[in-house]
């Protein structure tokens, strides 16, 4: 990876491309009106898991699905605030119509964290929603994302070339994605380093949501100390205690490709993502 690519590395989203937003002073009125809309249009999520991709969201989906006081659609990744944003609220609400009145509704779509239009779209419909974010070591997440795209037939470039060409592949994506239902193949499938810039993505959400509405979890803690993290999640969501299954699933894991990665490449990626590591430690106390 060239020094030029490292120095010019930028997020795929752009704060200059925005849908119209409400002034902060108008948010309380907007939240009241939105709450009335939600009550009239059926159930909508009480919580969302935003991502990140390849960080344990499939495992979290399985665990939450087993909680008697939680309702998740059988289908993970509804993409309502991203790829399906041209659909109406009733389409979204229909996915929760089978929820019992005492159940907390939620859904998990890892693309929400990275998609530039998702924070505002979510806030517009669900201003009081609780947000869970699983964060994996940025370098390991980027590498895992690459191998995920290879396995699913989205990537033909060798690993070094894929990282070196990421910026040009994602060029112009934000403008497309702010259109309802807009899609950009490379933004979704070739955004390896960009998706690992957690500090930028979390910063976008903080422009719309109070910090108390977001729970940031280190993925490594989720898998290594699952019981403790599970209790944190239940407490955050206001849910009663529920025992974990005897064998916690490790869903949608890779095929062991990470073991073959050159240590030198890992070192270069760590340097590229240095700002992410430093900011997550200084602002959130999360360290890898």
Foldseek 3Di string as FASTA:
>chain_A
DDVVLLVPDDALADPVDADDDDPPVCLVVLQVVLVVVCVVLADDAQAEEQDAPPQQLVLVVVFQVPDPQADEQPDAAPCCLFLVVVDDPNVRRVSCRPPDPRHGYYHYHNCLLRQNRNLRVCCSNPVNHAYEYEAEDLLVQLVQLLVVCVVVVNDDDPDVVLSSCLVVLSPPVNNQRNPGNGDRSCSVRSCRNNSSLNVVSVVSNVVRHPPLRYDYHYSVCCVPVVVVVVVVVCVSSVHDDDDGPPDRDRPPHDDPPVVVDDVVVSVVSCVSNVVSQVCCCVPPVDHD
